[in-house]
Every structure is written in structure tokens, then in C-alpha cells.
N, C-alpha and C. Protein backbone atom coordinates (compact mmCIF):
# COMPACT_ATOMS: atom_id res chain seq x y z
N MET A 1 100.67 121.82 102.89
CA MET A 1 101.17 123.18 102.98
C MET A 1 101.13 123.64 104.45
N THR A 2 102.18 124.21 104.91
CA THR A 2 102.28 124.68 106.28
C THR A 2 101.48 125.97 106.45
N ARG A 3 100.65 126.00 107.48
CA ARG A 3 99.88 127.20 107.81
C ARG A 3 100.64 127.99 108.88
N ILE A 4 100.38 129.28 108.89
CA ILE A 4 100.92 130.14 109.94
C ILE A 4 99.75 130.59 110.80
N GLY A 5 99.89 130.35 112.11
CA GLY A 5 98.85 130.73 113.05
C GLY A 5 99.40 131.67 114.10
N LEU A 6 98.56 132.56 114.55
CA LEU A 6 98.88 133.45 115.67
C LEU A 6 97.95 133.07 116.80
N VAL A 7 98.46 132.99 118.00
CA VAL A 7 97.64 132.62 119.14
C VAL A 7 97.93 133.60 120.28
N TRP A 8 96.83 134.14 120.85
CA TRP A 8 96.97 135.05 121.98
C TRP A 8 95.68 135.09 122.79
N ALA A 9 95.80 135.63 123.99
CA ALA A 9 94.64 135.94 124.84
C ALA A 9 94.60 137.45 124.99
N GLN A 10 93.39 138.00 124.95
CA GLN A 10 93.28 139.45 125.07
C GLN A 10 92.12 139.84 125.96
N ALA A 11 92.37 140.88 126.74
CA ALA A 11 91.34 141.50 127.57
C ALA A 11 90.68 142.61 126.75
N HIS A 12 89.75 143.33 127.37
CA HIS A 12 89.10 144.45 126.69
C HIS A 12 90.16 145.42 126.16
N GLY A 13 89.86 146.02 125.02
CA GLY A 13 90.79 146.96 124.42
C GLY A 13 91.96 146.28 123.73
N GLY A 14 91.91 144.95 123.61
CA GLY A 14 92.99 144.22 122.94
C GLY A 14 94.24 144.07 123.77
N VAL A 15 94.17 144.32 125.07
CA VAL A 15 95.35 144.22 125.94
C VAL A 15 95.82 142.75 125.99
N ILE A 16 97.10 142.55 125.67
CA ILE A 16 97.69 141.20 125.75
C ILE A 16 98.82 141.12 126.76
N GLY A 17 99.28 142.26 127.26
CA GLY A 17 100.38 142.20 128.20
C GLY A 17 100.58 143.49 128.97
N ALA A 18 101.28 143.34 130.08
CA ALA A 18 101.62 144.49 130.92
C ALA A 18 102.95 144.20 131.60
N ALA A 19 103.88 145.10 131.47
CA ALA A 19 105.18 144.99 132.14
C ALA A 19 105.86 143.64 131.90
N GLY A 20 105.77 143.15 130.67
CA GLY A 20 106.46 141.91 130.32
C GLY A 20 105.75 140.64 130.72
N GLY A 21 104.49 140.72 131.11
CA GLY A 21 103.75 139.52 131.48
C GLY A 21 102.28 139.67 131.15
N MET A 22 101.51 138.65 131.50
CA MET A 22 100.07 138.70 131.30
C MET A 22 99.43 139.12 132.62
N PRO A 23 98.59 140.16 132.60
CA PRO A 23 98.00 140.64 133.85
C PRO A 23 96.74 139.87 134.26
N TRP A 24 96.75 138.57 134.10
CA TRP A 24 95.65 137.68 134.49
C TRP A 24 96.18 136.27 134.58
N HIS A 25 95.38 135.40 135.15
CA HIS A 25 95.71 133.98 135.18
C HIS A 25 94.43 133.21 134.84
N VAL A 26 94.44 132.58 133.68
CA VAL A 26 93.30 131.78 133.22
C VAL A 26 93.84 130.41 132.83
N PRO A 27 93.84 129.45 133.77
CA PRO A 27 94.43 128.14 133.49
C PRO A 27 93.82 127.44 132.27
N GLU A 28 92.56 127.68 132.02
CA GLU A 28 91.90 127.06 130.87
C GLU A 28 92.48 127.57 129.56
N ASP A 29 92.88 128.84 129.53
CA ASP A 29 93.53 129.39 128.34
C ASP A 29 94.91 128.77 128.16
N LEU A 30 95.64 128.60 129.25
CA LEU A 30 96.96 127.98 129.15
C LEU A 30 96.85 126.55 128.63
N ALA A 31 95.82 125.82 129.06
CA ALA A 31 95.60 124.44 128.57
C ALA A 31 95.25 124.46 127.08
N HIS A 32 94.45 125.42 126.67
CA HIS A 32 94.09 125.57 125.25
C HIS A 32 95.34 125.87 124.42
N PHE A 33 96.15 126.79 124.90
CA PHE A 33 97.41 127.15 124.23
C PHE A 33 98.30 125.91 124.09
N ARG A 34 98.45 125.16 125.16
CA ARG A 34 99.28 123.96 125.14
C ARG A 34 98.74 122.95 124.12
N ALA A 35 97.42 122.74 124.10
CA ALA A 35 96.82 121.79 123.16
C ALA A 35 97.03 122.22 121.71
N LEU A 36 96.94 123.51 121.44
CA LEU A 36 97.13 124.01 120.07
C LEU A 36 98.57 123.88 119.60
N THR A 37 99.52 124.19 120.47
CA THR A 37 100.91 124.37 120.03
C THR A 37 101.81 123.16 120.26
N THR A 38 101.43 122.23 121.11
CA THR A 38 102.31 121.08 121.38
C THR A 38 102.52 120.29 120.09
N GLY A 39 103.78 119.98 119.83
CA GLY A 39 104.14 119.24 118.63
C GLY A 39 104.45 120.12 117.44
N ALA A 40 104.24 121.42 117.58
CA ALA A 40 104.48 122.35 116.48
C ALA A 40 105.59 123.33 116.86
N PRO A 41 106.22 123.93 115.86
CA PRO A 41 107.19 124.98 116.18
C PRO A 41 106.46 126.23 116.65
N VAL A 42 107.06 126.92 117.63
CA VAL A 42 106.53 128.18 118.11
C VAL A 42 107.58 129.26 117.89
N VAL A 43 107.12 130.40 117.40
CA VAL A 43 107.99 131.54 117.11
C VAL A 43 107.62 132.66 118.06
N MET A 44 108.63 133.21 118.70
CA MET A 44 108.38 134.29 119.67
C MET A 44 109.53 135.28 119.64
N GLY A 45 109.26 136.45 120.16
CA GLY A 45 110.30 137.44 120.35
C GLY A 45 111.10 137.13 121.61
N ARG A 46 112.26 137.75 121.70
CA ARG A 46 113.12 137.51 122.86
C ARG A 46 112.45 137.90 124.18
N ARG A 47 111.72 139.02 124.18
CA ARG A 47 111.05 139.44 125.42
C ARG A 47 109.98 138.44 125.83
N THR A 48 109.30 137.85 124.87
CA THR A 48 108.30 136.82 125.21
C THR A 48 109.01 135.63 125.83
N TRP A 49 110.12 135.20 125.23
CA TRP A 49 110.91 134.10 125.80
C TRP A 49 111.29 134.41 127.25
N GLU A 50 111.79 135.62 127.47
CA GLU A 50 112.24 136.00 128.81
C GLU A 50 111.09 136.15 129.80
N SER A 51 109.87 136.33 129.31
CA SER A 51 108.72 136.48 130.21
C SER A 51 108.28 135.15 130.81
N PHE A 52 108.69 134.03 130.20
CA PHE A 52 108.32 132.72 130.74
C PHE A 52 109.15 132.40 131.97
N PRO A 53 108.53 131.83 132.99
CA PRO A 53 109.32 131.36 134.13
C PRO A 53 110.35 130.32 133.67
N ASP A 54 111.48 130.27 134.34
CA ASP A 54 112.56 129.35 133.95
C ASP A 54 112.07 127.92 133.74
N ARG A 55 111.14 127.47 134.57
CA ARG A 55 110.70 126.08 134.48
C ARG A 55 109.92 125.79 133.19
N PHE A 56 109.48 126.84 132.48
CA PHE A 56 108.76 126.66 131.22
C PHE A 56 109.60 126.99 130.00
N ARG A 57 110.89 127.23 130.21
CA ARG A 57 111.79 127.51 129.08
C ARG A 57 112.74 126.35 128.90
N PRO A 58 112.79 125.78 127.73
CA PRO A 58 111.92 126.01 126.58
C PRO A 58 110.54 125.41 126.80
N LEU A 59 109.57 125.89 126.03
CA LEU A 59 108.24 125.29 126.11
C LEU A 59 108.35 123.83 125.68
N PRO A 60 107.94 122.91 126.53
CA PRO A 60 108.14 121.48 126.22
C PRO A 60 107.29 121.01 125.05
N GLY A 61 107.84 120.07 124.29
CA GLY A 61 107.11 119.45 123.20
C GLY A 61 106.95 120.33 121.98
N ARG A 62 107.74 121.39 121.92
CA ARG A 62 107.66 122.33 120.81
C ARG A 62 109.07 122.79 120.44
N ARG A 63 109.28 123.05 119.17
CA ARG A 63 110.53 123.66 118.73
C ARG A 63 110.41 125.15 119.02
N ASN A 64 111.29 125.69 119.85
CA ASN A 64 111.24 127.08 120.30
C ASN A 64 112.18 127.93 119.45
N LEU A 65 111.60 128.81 118.63
CA LEU A 65 112.37 129.71 117.79
C LEU A 65 112.20 131.13 118.31
N VAL A 66 113.31 131.78 118.62
CA VAL A 66 113.29 133.10 119.23
C VAL A 66 113.88 134.11 118.25
N VAL A 67 113.08 135.12 117.91
CA VAL A 67 113.52 136.16 116.98
C VAL A 67 114.18 137.27 117.78
N THR A 68 115.44 137.53 117.43
CA THR A 68 116.18 138.62 118.06
C THR A 68 117.27 139.09 117.11
N ARG A 69 117.53 140.38 117.15
CA ARG A 69 118.62 140.93 116.33
C ARG A 69 119.97 140.75 117.00
N ASP A 70 119.98 140.39 118.27
CA ASP A 70 121.21 140.19 119.02
C ASP A 70 121.89 138.90 118.57
N GLU A 71 122.95 139.05 117.78
CA GLU A 71 123.64 137.88 117.21
C GLU A 71 124.29 137.00 118.27
N ALA A 72 124.56 137.55 119.44
CA ALA A 72 125.21 136.79 120.51
C ALA A 72 124.20 136.06 121.40
N TRP A 73 122.91 136.32 121.22
CA TRP A 73 121.90 135.72 122.10
C TRP A 73 121.85 134.22 121.90
N ALA A 74 121.77 133.52 123.01
CA ALA A 74 121.62 132.06 122.99
C ALA A 74 120.96 131.64 124.30
N ALA A 75 120.19 130.58 124.24
CA ALA A 75 119.55 130.04 125.44
C ALA A 75 119.34 128.55 125.23
N PRO A 76 119.55 127.74 126.27
CA PRO A 76 119.34 126.31 126.14
C PRO A 76 117.91 125.99 125.71
N GLY A 77 117.78 125.17 124.68
CA GLY A 77 116.48 124.73 124.21
C GLY A 77 115.82 125.67 123.21
N ALA A 78 116.49 126.77 122.88
CA ALA A 78 115.94 127.73 121.92
C ALA A 78 116.86 127.83 120.71
N GLU A 79 116.26 128.16 119.59
CA GLU A 79 117.03 128.45 118.38
C GLU A 79 116.83 129.93 118.06
N ARG A 80 117.91 130.62 117.80
CA ARG A 80 117.84 132.03 117.47
C ARG A 80 117.54 132.20 115.99
N ALA A 81 116.68 133.14 115.69
CA ALA A 81 116.41 133.54 114.31
C ALA A 81 116.60 135.04 114.22
N ALA A 82 117.25 135.51 113.17
CA ALA A 82 117.55 136.93 113.03
C ALA A 82 116.32 137.74 112.62
N SER A 83 115.32 137.08 112.05
CA SER A 83 114.11 137.77 111.59
C SER A 83 112.93 136.81 111.63
N LEU A 84 111.76 137.35 111.48
CA LEU A 84 110.56 136.53 111.41
C LEU A 84 110.63 135.58 110.21
N ASP A 85 111.05 136.09 109.06
CA ASP A 85 111.17 135.24 107.88
C ASP A 85 112.17 134.11 108.09
N ASP A 86 113.28 134.41 108.77
CA ASP A 86 114.26 133.36 109.09
C ASP A 86 113.64 132.30 109.98
N ALA A 87 112.85 132.73 110.98
CA ALA A 87 112.20 131.78 111.88
C ALA A 87 111.22 130.90 111.11
N PHE A 88 110.44 131.50 110.21
CA PHE A 88 109.50 130.71 109.40
C PHE A 88 110.24 129.71 108.53
N ALA A 89 111.36 130.13 107.94
CA ALA A 89 112.13 129.22 107.08
C ALA A 89 112.70 128.06 107.90
N LEU A 90 113.23 128.34 109.07
CA LEU A 90 113.74 127.27 109.93
C LEU A 90 112.64 126.30 110.32
N ALA A 91 111.50 126.85 110.73
CA ALA A 91 110.39 126.01 111.18
C ALA A 91 109.82 125.17 110.04
N ALA A 92 109.76 125.73 108.84
CA ALA A 92 109.15 125.05 107.70
C ALA A 92 109.98 123.86 107.21
N GLN A 93 111.25 123.81 107.57
CA GLN A 93 112.10 122.70 107.12
C GLN A 93 111.54 121.34 107.52
N ALA A 94 110.88 121.29 108.66
CA ALA A 94 110.32 120.02 109.15
C ALA A 94 108.91 119.77 108.62
N ARG A 95 108.41 120.67 107.79
CA ARG A 95 107.07 120.56 107.19
C ARG A 95 105.95 120.34 108.22
N PRO A 96 105.87 121.21 109.21
CA PRO A 96 104.79 121.06 110.20
C PRO A 96 103.45 121.48 109.58
N ASP A 97 102.38 121.04 110.19
CA ASP A 97 101.05 121.49 109.74
C ASP A 97 100.89 122.98 109.97
N THR A 98 101.32 123.43 111.16
CA THR A 98 101.17 124.84 111.53
C THR A 98 102.40 125.32 112.27
N ILE A 99 102.81 126.54 111.97
CA ILE A 99 103.83 127.26 112.73
C ILE A 99 103.06 128.29 113.54
N TRP A 100 103.26 128.30 114.86
CA TRP A 100 102.53 129.21 115.73
C TRP A 100 103.39 130.39 116.16
N VAL A 101 102.91 131.59 115.95
CA VAL A 101 103.53 132.80 116.48
C VAL A 101 102.84 133.06 117.81
N ILE A 102 103.65 133.16 118.88
CA ILE A 102 103.08 133.24 120.22
C ILE A 102 103.39 134.54 120.95
N GLY A 103 103.93 135.52 120.26
CA GLY A 103 104.13 136.83 120.89
C GLY A 103 105.53 137.36 120.69
N GLY A 104 105.65 138.58 121.00
CA GLY A 104 104.70 139.53 121.52
C GLY A 104 104.06 140.39 120.46
N GLY A 105 103.59 141.54 120.92
CA GLY A 105 102.81 142.43 120.08
C GLY A 105 103.51 142.83 118.79
N GLN A 106 104.79 143.13 118.87
CA GLN A 106 105.55 143.54 117.69
C GLN A 106 105.61 142.40 116.67
N LEU A 107 105.83 141.19 117.14
CA LEU A 107 105.91 140.03 116.24
C LEU A 107 104.54 139.71 115.64
N TYR A 108 103.49 139.83 116.43
CA TYR A 108 102.13 139.61 115.90
C TYR A 108 101.86 140.56 114.73
N ARG A 109 102.21 141.84 114.93
CA ARG A 109 101.96 142.83 113.86
C ARG A 109 102.78 142.52 112.61
N ALA A 110 103.97 142.03 112.79
CA ALA A 110 104.82 141.67 111.65
C ALA A 110 104.31 140.42 110.93
N ALA A 111 103.69 139.51 111.67
CA ALA A 111 103.30 138.22 111.10
C ALA A 111 101.87 138.16 110.59
N ILE A 112 101.03 139.08 110.99
CA ILE A 112 99.60 138.92 110.72
C ILE A 112 99.27 138.88 109.22
N GLU A 113 100.03 139.57 108.40
CA GLU A 113 99.75 139.55 106.96
C GLU A 113 100.06 138.19 106.33
N GLN A 114 100.94 137.42 106.97
CA GLN A 114 101.28 136.09 106.46
C GLN A 114 100.45 134.99 107.10
N ALA A 115 99.65 135.35 108.09
CA ALA A 115 98.91 134.35 108.86
C ALA A 115 97.71 133.80 108.11
N ASP A 116 97.40 132.55 108.41
CA ASP A 116 96.23 131.87 107.86
C ASP A 116 95.12 131.75 108.89
N VAL A 117 95.49 131.73 110.16
CA VAL A 117 94.52 131.52 111.22
C VAL A 117 94.94 132.29 112.47
N LEU A 118 93.94 132.80 113.20
CA LEU A 118 94.17 133.44 114.49
C LEU A 118 93.38 132.64 115.52
N GLU A 119 94.01 132.27 116.60
CA GLU A 119 93.33 131.62 117.72
C GLU A 119 93.37 132.61 118.88
N VAL A 120 92.20 133.17 119.19
CA VAL A 120 92.14 134.26 120.16
C VAL A 120 91.26 133.85 121.34
N THR A 121 91.79 133.98 122.53
CA THR A 121 90.99 133.82 123.72
C THR A 121 90.57 135.21 124.16
N GLU A 122 89.28 135.47 124.13
CA GLU A 122 88.76 136.75 124.60
C GLU A 122 88.46 136.64 126.08
N LEU A 123 88.95 137.62 126.82
CA LEU A 123 88.72 137.67 128.26
C LEU A 123 87.79 138.83 128.56
N ASP A 124 86.76 138.58 129.33
CA ASP A 124 85.84 139.62 129.73
C ASP A 124 86.43 140.31 130.96
N LEU A 125 87.42 141.17 130.69
CA LEU A 125 88.25 141.71 131.76
C LEU A 125 88.79 143.07 131.35
N ASP A 126 88.69 144.03 132.26
CA ASP A 126 89.31 145.34 132.07
C ASP A 126 90.62 145.36 132.85
N VAL A 127 91.72 145.53 132.15
CA VAL A 127 93.04 145.63 132.79
C VAL A 127 93.86 146.68 132.06
N ASP A 128 94.79 147.28 132.79
CA ASP A 128 95.74 148.17 132.16
C ASP A 128 96.85 147.33 131.56
N GLY A 129 97.34 147.77 130.42
CA GLY A 129 98.44 147.04 129.79
C GLY A 129 99.22 147.95 128.88
N ASP A 130 100.40 147.47 128.50
CA ASP A 130 101.25 148.26 127.62
C ASP A 130 101.48 147.57 126.27
N THR A 131 100.85 146.41 126.07
CA THR A 131 100.98 145.69 124.81
C THR A 131 99.59 145.26 124.36
N THR A 132 99.31 145.51 123.07
CA THR A 132 98.00 145.15 122.54
C THR A 132 98.13 144.24 121.34
N ALA A 133 97.04 143.52 121.08
CA ALA A 133 96.97 142.61 119.94
C ALA A 133 96.75 143.42 118.67
N PRO A 134 97.13 142.85 117.53
CA PRO A 134 96.78 143.50 116.28
C PRO A 134 95.27 143.39 116.08
N GLY A 135 94.72 144.23 115.25
CA GLY A 135 93.29 144.18 114.97
C GLY A 135 92.93 142.95 114.14
N THR A 136 91.65 142.63 114.14
CA THR A 136 91.17 141.48 113.38
C THR A 136 90.29 141.92 112.21
N ASP A 137 90.40 143.19 111.79
CA ASP A 137 89.65 143.66 110.62
C ASP A 137 90.06 142.83 109.42
N GLY A 138 89.08 142.42 108.63
CA GLY A 138 89.36 141.59 107.46
C GLY A 138 89.37 140.10 107.78
N TRP A 139 89.22 139.75 109.03
CA TRP A 139 89.17 138.36 109.46
C TRP A 139 87.73 138.04 109.85
N ARG A 140 87.34 136.77 109.77
CA ARG A 140 86.00 136.38 110.20
C ARG A 140 86.10 135.20 111.16
N VAL A 141 85.20 135.18 112.12
CA VAL A 141 85.15 134.07 113.07
C VAL A 141 84.61 132.85 112.33
N VAL A 142 85.37 131.76 112.36
CA VAL A 142 84.92 130.53 111.69
C VAL A 142 84.62 129.43 112.68
N ALA A 143 85.09 129.57 113.89
CA ALA A 143 84.81 128.57 114.92
C ALA A 143 84.94 129.22 116.28
N SER A 144 84.16 128.73 117.19
CA SER A 144 84.25 129.20 118.56
C SER A 144 84.11 127.99 119.47
N ASP A 145 83.99 128.26 120.74
CA ASP A 145 83.84 127.18 121.72
C ASP A 145 82.79 126.19 121.26
N PRO A 146 82.99 124.91 121.58
CA PRO A 146 81.94 123.94 121.28
C PRO A 146 80.61 124.35 121.91
N ASP A 147 80.66 125.01 123.03
CA ASP A 147 79.44 125.47 123.70
C ASP A 147 79.00 126.83 123.19
N ALA A 148 79.77 127.40 122.23
CA ALA A 148 79.43 128.66 121.56
C ALA A 148 79.10 129.79 122.53
N GLY A 149 79.90 129.93 123.53
CA GLY A 149 79.63 131.03 124.45
C GLY A 149 80.75 131.25 125.43
N TRP A 150 80.43 132.01 126.44
CA TRP A 150 81.39 132.37 127.47
C TRP A 150 81.46 131.28 128.53
N HIS A 151 82.65 131.11 129.07
CA HIS A 151 82.89 130.17 130.16
C HIS A 151 83.43 130.96 131.34
N LEU A 152 83.36 130.38 132.51
CA LEU A 152 83.91 131.01 133.70
C LEU A 152 85.12 130.22 134.16
N SER A 153 86.27 130.88 134.16
CA SER A 153 87.51 130.24 134.63
C SER A 153 87.39 129.94 136.12
N ARG A 154 88.15 128.97 136.55
CA ARG A 154 88.17 128.69 137.99
C ARG A 154 88.77 129.85 138.78
N THR A 155 89.40 130.80 138.06
CA THR A 155 89.93 132.00 138.73
C THR A 155 88.92 133.15 138.69
N GLY A 156 87.71 132.88 138.15
CA GLY A 156 86.65 133.88 138.18
C GLY A 156 86.57 134.79 136.97
N ILE A 157 87.39 134.58 135.95
CA ILE A 157 87.40 135.42 134.75
C ILE A 157 86.59 134.74 133.65
N ARG A 158 85.68 135.49 133.03
CA ARG A 158 84.93 134.95 131.89
C ARG A 158 85.82 134.98 130.65
N TYR A 159 85.71 133.91 129.82
CA TYR A 159 86.54 133.80 128.62
C TYR A 159 85.79 133.01 127.56
N ARG A 160 86.25 133.17 126.32
CA ARG A 160 85.78 132.33 125.22
C ARG A 160 86.89 132.22 124.19
N PHE A 161 86.87 131.10 123.44
CA PHE A 161 87.86 130.85 122.40
C PHE A 161 87.24 131.15 121.05
N LEU A 162 87.96 131.89 120.21
CA LEU A 162 87.51 132.20 118.86
C LEU A 162 88.60 131.87 117.86
N ARG A 163 88.22 131.30 116.73
CA ARG A 163 89.16 131.06 115.62
C ARG A 163 88.74 131.97 114.47
N TYR A 164 89.73 132.71 113.95
CA TYR A 164 89.50 133.60 112.82
C TYR A 164 90.27 133.09 111.61
N GLU A 165 89.66 133.27 110.43
CA GLU A 165 90.34 133.03 109.16
C GLU A 165 90.00 134.19 108.24
N ARG A 166 90.76 134.32 107.17
CA ARG A 166 90.48 135.39 106.20
C ARG A 166 89.33 135.00 105.30
């Protein structure tokens, strides 16, 4: 059975984005994201797609499904889906172990009720932002870092990885 997972990094206050991007750089989180999602379909909103630098579009080694109501939208390496449910149906055709929702905030809120797992990187960081993660009420932490604690990024930001399930 295919699971639906949501993956994001958040600073204090649940901030996940600012002005169409992430207001931090944590290479260890990007490596974690790549390890989780490579080989699986990823579902994102159009603004999330557009927030990636050209050299990362499409995300390599993943089926890139972009949810947009714009029927004329097209981009090399991406498949357009008219809705989140359409994206899930397209992704499920290949029977992957997990379909990953990778942003943004609006899509996370729409998908969280269907999700089986949340992979959250917590950042010990205060930043201003205009996009926040959905809450994790009703979810429980089932796994964390193998070292079960905070790590220090080479960029100086403290972080930890948490896995939530219902």
C-alpha cells in the first residue's frame, strides 16, 4: 500500500518559507530531503516548483508532479496535476512505497489529513516568514535522529530530524 508523506523544514513558530524561498541554508537538511525522496514521486505546488533554481528543476531521480489550476502550465520534466487528488492518482499508478508532498504551505494543509507520515526537520532558528507548516496536533514522534538530539549544521544552525505518525 502506498503511503503519503509530507516533508518540510521549519524554524521557530512553524516558519517554512519567506518570499518564495527558505530563509536559511542547512545542507544537512537538503541531503536528508534528497535521501528520503529520491526514487519516489514528489508532489508540489507551482510556486514551490518555481522557487527551485533552474539547475534543480526537475528534481533529479524523482517524478515531479506540480499541482496548478492553470491548464496551460507546462514545464520540462514536470507533470501537471489539476488537484492534489489528481497528483496522488497519477503518482499511485506506479505503486511507489511513498508519495512525498514537498510544499508549499497550502498543499501541506490540503494533504495532511491523507498523510501517513511527516518528516520534519526542526531548526533552532528565529526567522521572519510568510509561510508556515501545518500543526502536528494528533501526531506523535515515532523516530528521531539516530543520535536522538540536536546537531549543528556546518552553516551554524542547530537542527534535528523528527518522524511523526498518527
